[in-house]
C-alpha atoms as a PDB file:
ATOM      1  CA  UNK A   1      68.493 -15.556  25.341  1.00  0.00           C
ATOM      2  CA  UNK A   2      65.344 -16.194  27.397  1.00  0.00           C
ATOM      3  CA  UNK A   3      67.078 -14.512  30.339  1.00  0.00           C
ATOM      4  CA  UNK A   4      67.218 -11.232  28.404  1.00  0.00           C
ATOM      5  CA  UNK A   5      63.646 -11.507  27.184  1.00  0.00           C
ATOM      6  CA  UNK A   6      62.478 -11.960  30.770  1.00  0.00           C
ATOM      7  CA  UNK A   7      64.690  -9.066  31.880  1.00  0.00           C
ATOM      8  CA  UNK A   8      63.181  -6.847  29.172  1.00  0.00           C
ATOM      9  CA  UNK A   9      59.645  -7.795  30.149  1.00  0.00           C
ATOM     10  CA  UNK A  10      60.485  -7.271  33.827  1.00  0.00           C
ATOM     11  CA  UNK A  11      61.852  -3.840  32.960  1.00  0.00           C
ATOM     12  CA  UNK A  12      58.651  -3.051  31.073  1.00  0.00           C
ATOM     13  CA  UNK A  13      56.470  -4.125  33.988  1.00  0.00           C
ATOM     14  CA  UNK A  14      58.464  -2.241  36.597  1.00  0.00           C
ATOM     15  CA  UNK A  15      58.419   0.931  34.496  1.00  0.00           C
ATOM     16  CA  UNK A  16      54.674   0.747  33.957  1.00  0.00           C
ATOM     17  CA  UNK A  17      54.074  -0.117  37.604  1.00  0.00           C
ATOM     18  CA  UNK A  18      55.986   2.829  39.040  1.00  0.00           C
ATOM     19  CA  UNK A  19      55.068   5.448  36.423  1.00  0.00           C
ATOM     20  CA  UNK A  20      51.432   4.613  35.703  1.00  0.00           C
ATOM     21  CA  UNK A  21      49.890   2.236  38.242  1.00  0.00           C
ATOM     22  CA  UNK A  22      48.710   3.036  41.766  1.00  0.00           C
ATOM     23  CA  UNK A  23      50.410  -0.011  43.258  1.00  0.00           C
ATOM     24  CA  UNK A  24      49.494  -1.952  46.356  1.00  0.00           C
ATOM     25  CA  UNK A  25      48.192   0.389  49.058  1.00  0.00           C
ATOM     26  CA  UNK A  26      48.662   3.220  46.522  1.00  0.00           C
ATOM     27  CA  UNK A  27      52.408   3.209  47.230  1.00  0.00           C
ATOM     28  CA  UNK A  28      53.432   4.306  43.721  1.00  0.00           C
ATOM     29  CA  UNK A  29      50.720   6.934  43.507  1.00  0.00           C
ATOM     30  CA  UNK A  30      51.854   8.313  46.865  1.00  0.00           C
ATOM     31  CA  UNK A  31      55.459   8.341  45.675  1.00  0.00           C
ATOM     32  CA  UNK A  32      54.514  10.308  42.556  1.00  0.00           C
ATOM     33  CA  UNK A  33      52.349  12.691  44.629  1.00  0.00           C
ATOM     34  CA  UNK A  34      55.213  13.229  47.063  1.00  0.00           C
ATOM     35  CA  UNK A  35      57.655  13.974  44.241  1.00  0.00           C
ATOM     36  CA  UNK A  36      55.206  16.480  42.785  1.00  0.00           C
ATOM     37  CA  UNK A  37      54.710  18.249  46.130  1.00  0.00           C
ATOM     38  CA  UNK A  38      58.419  18.424  46.840  1.00  0.00           C
ATOM     39  CA  UNK A  39      59.264  19.685  43.348  1.00  0.00           C
ATOM     40  CA  UNK A  40      56.657  22.455  43.623  1.00  0.00           C
ATOM     41  CA  UNK A  41      57.981  23.483  47.029  1.00  0.00           C
ATOM     42  CA  UNK A  42      61.517  23.718  45.668  1.00  0.00           C
ATOM     43  CA  UNK A  43      60.785  25.255  42.292  1.00  0.00           C
ATOM     44  CA  UNK A  44      64.364  26.442  41.715  1.00  0.00           C
ATOM     45  CA  UNK A  45      65.943  23.061  42.367  1.00  0.00           C
ATOM     46  CA  UNK A  46      66.280  21.037  39.186  1.00  0.00           C
ATOM     47  CA  UNK A  47      67.137  17.858  41.081  1.00  0.00           C
ATOM     48  CA  UNK A  48      63.634  17.608  42.542  1.00  0.00           C
ATOM     49  CA  UNK A  49      62.049  18.448  39.202  1.00  0.00           C
ATOM     50  CA  UNK A  50      64.143  15.738  37.554  1.00  0.00           C
ATOM     51  CA  UNK A  51      63.086  13.220  40.202  1.00  0.00           C
ATOM     52  CA  UNK A  52      59.449  14.084  39.566  1.00  0.00           C
ATOM     53  CA  UNK A  53      59.881  13.669  35.814  1.00  0.00           C
ATOM     54  CA  UNK A  54      61.715  10.375  36.309  1.00  0.00           C
ATOM     55  CA  UNK A  55      58.927   8.896  38.442  1.00  0.00           C
ATOM     56  CA  UNK A  56      56.256   9.871  35.931  1.00  0.00           C
ATOM     57  CA  UNK A  57      58.008   8.709  32.765  1.00  0.00           C
ATOM     58  CA  UNK A  58      57.988   4.980  31.945  1.00  0.00           C
ATOM     59  CA  UNK A  59      60.665   5.517  29.282  1.00  0.00           C
ATOM     60  CA  UNK A  60      63.004   7.241  31.745  1.00  0.00           C
ATOM     61  CA  UNK A  61      62.412   4.600  34.383  1.00  0.00           C
ATOM     62  CA  UNK A  62      63.012   1.910  31.776  1.00  0.00           C
ATOM     63  CA  UNK A  63      66.613   3.044  31.323  1.00  0.00           C
ATOM     64  CA  UNK A  64      67.332   2.618  35.029  1.00  0.00           C
ATOM     65  CA  UNK A  65      65.294  -0.547  35.481  1.00  0.00           C
ATOM     66  CA  UNK A  66      67.122  -2.081  32.501  1.00  0.00           C
ATOM     67  CA  UNK A  67      70.374  -1.826  34.445  1.00  0.00           C
ATOM     68  CA  UNK A  68      68.740  -3.386  37.506  1.00  0.00           C
ATOM     69  CA  UNK A  69      67.123  -6.269  35.634  1.00  0.00           C
ATOM     70  CA  UNK A  70      70.328  -6.969  33.725  1.00  0.00           C
ATOM     71  CA  UNK A  71      72.292  -7.110  36.985  1.00  0.00           C
ATOM     72  CA  UNK A  72      69.618  -9.345  38.518  1.00  0.00           C
ATOM     73  CA  UNK A  73      69.821 -11.769  35.602  1.00  0.00           C
ATOM     74  CA  UNK A  74      73.296 -12.883  36.704  1.00  0.00           C
ATOM     75  CA  UNK A  75      72.225 -14.349  40.075  1.00  0.00           C
ATOM     76  CA  UNK A  76      69.910 -17.292  40.756  1.00  0.00           C
ATOM     77  CA  UNK A  77      67.531 -15.255  42.943  1.00  0.00           C
ATOM     78  CA  UNK A  78      67.670 -12.429  40.440  1.00  0.00           C
ATOM     79  CA  UNK A  79      66.638 -14.809  37.682  1.00  0.00           C
ATOM     80  CA  UNK A  80      63.629 -15.857  39.754  1.00  0.00           C
ATOM     81  CA  UNK A  81      62.672 -12.225  40.327  1.00  0.00           C
ATOM     82  CA  UNK A  82      63.152 -11.431  36.633  1.00  0.00           C
ATOM     83  CA  UNK A  83      61.045 -14.446  35.661  1.00  0.00           C
ATOM     84  CA  UNK A  84      58.279 -13.358  38.034  1.00  0.00           C
ATOM     85  CA  UNK A  85      58.311  -9.746  36.832  1.00  0.00           C
ATOM     86  CA  UNK A  86      58.846 -10.874  33.235  1.00  0.00           C
ATOM     87  CA  UNK A  87      55.710 -13.004  33.298  1.00  0.00           C
ATOM     88  CA  UNK A  88      53.829 -10.070  34.843  1.00  0.00           C
ATOM     89  CA  UNK A  89      55.245  -7.826  32.114  1.00  0.00           C
ATOM     90  CA  UNK A  90      54.100 -10.210  29.380  1.00  0.00           C
ATOM     91  CA  UNK A  91      50.634 -10.294  30.946  1.00  0.00           C
ATOM     92  CA  UNK A  92      50.496  -6.488  31.130  1.00  0.00           C
ATOM     93  CA  UNK A  93      51.667  -6.183  27.528  1.00  0.00           C
ATOM     94  CA  UNK A  94      49.087  -8.697  26.316  1.00  0.00           C
ATOM     95  CA  UNK A  95      46.377  -6.987  28.379  1.00  0.00           C
ATOM     96  CA  UNK A  96      47.295  -3.722  26.685  1.00  0.00           C
ATOM     97  CA  UNK A  97      46.876  -5.364  23.271  1.00  0.00           C
ATOM     98  CA  UNK A  98      43.562  -6.824  24.412  1.00  0.00           C
ATOM     99  CA  UNK A  99      42.268  -3.395  25.471  1.00  0.00           C
ATOM    100  CA  UNK A 100      43.204  -1.859  22.110  1.00  0.00           C
ATOM    101  CA  UNK A 101      40.995  -4.338  20.283  1.00  0.00           C
ATOM    102  CA  UNK A 102      37.885  -3.556  22.350  1.00  0.00           C
END
């Protein structure tokens, strides 16, 4: 049971990280900027527009990261990664609650 809770929290953290945070060395911000530039340059191509929407939507990313975290939860190293990201997800969730109260 705890494995799935950690996987859910890891999924939450990954989704928030990619869709909303800048990331280390602004890597996620640069990824979102790139997807926006490429989707504007190819305005008729729905694939690029879908990629842009995916990278900016934590709910959309959550669907895909759920599959990844569930697959990771079956291996020992994957469980370590899920635990690490799950703890970070719990911290981010609690920080969000803390900011609402202020």
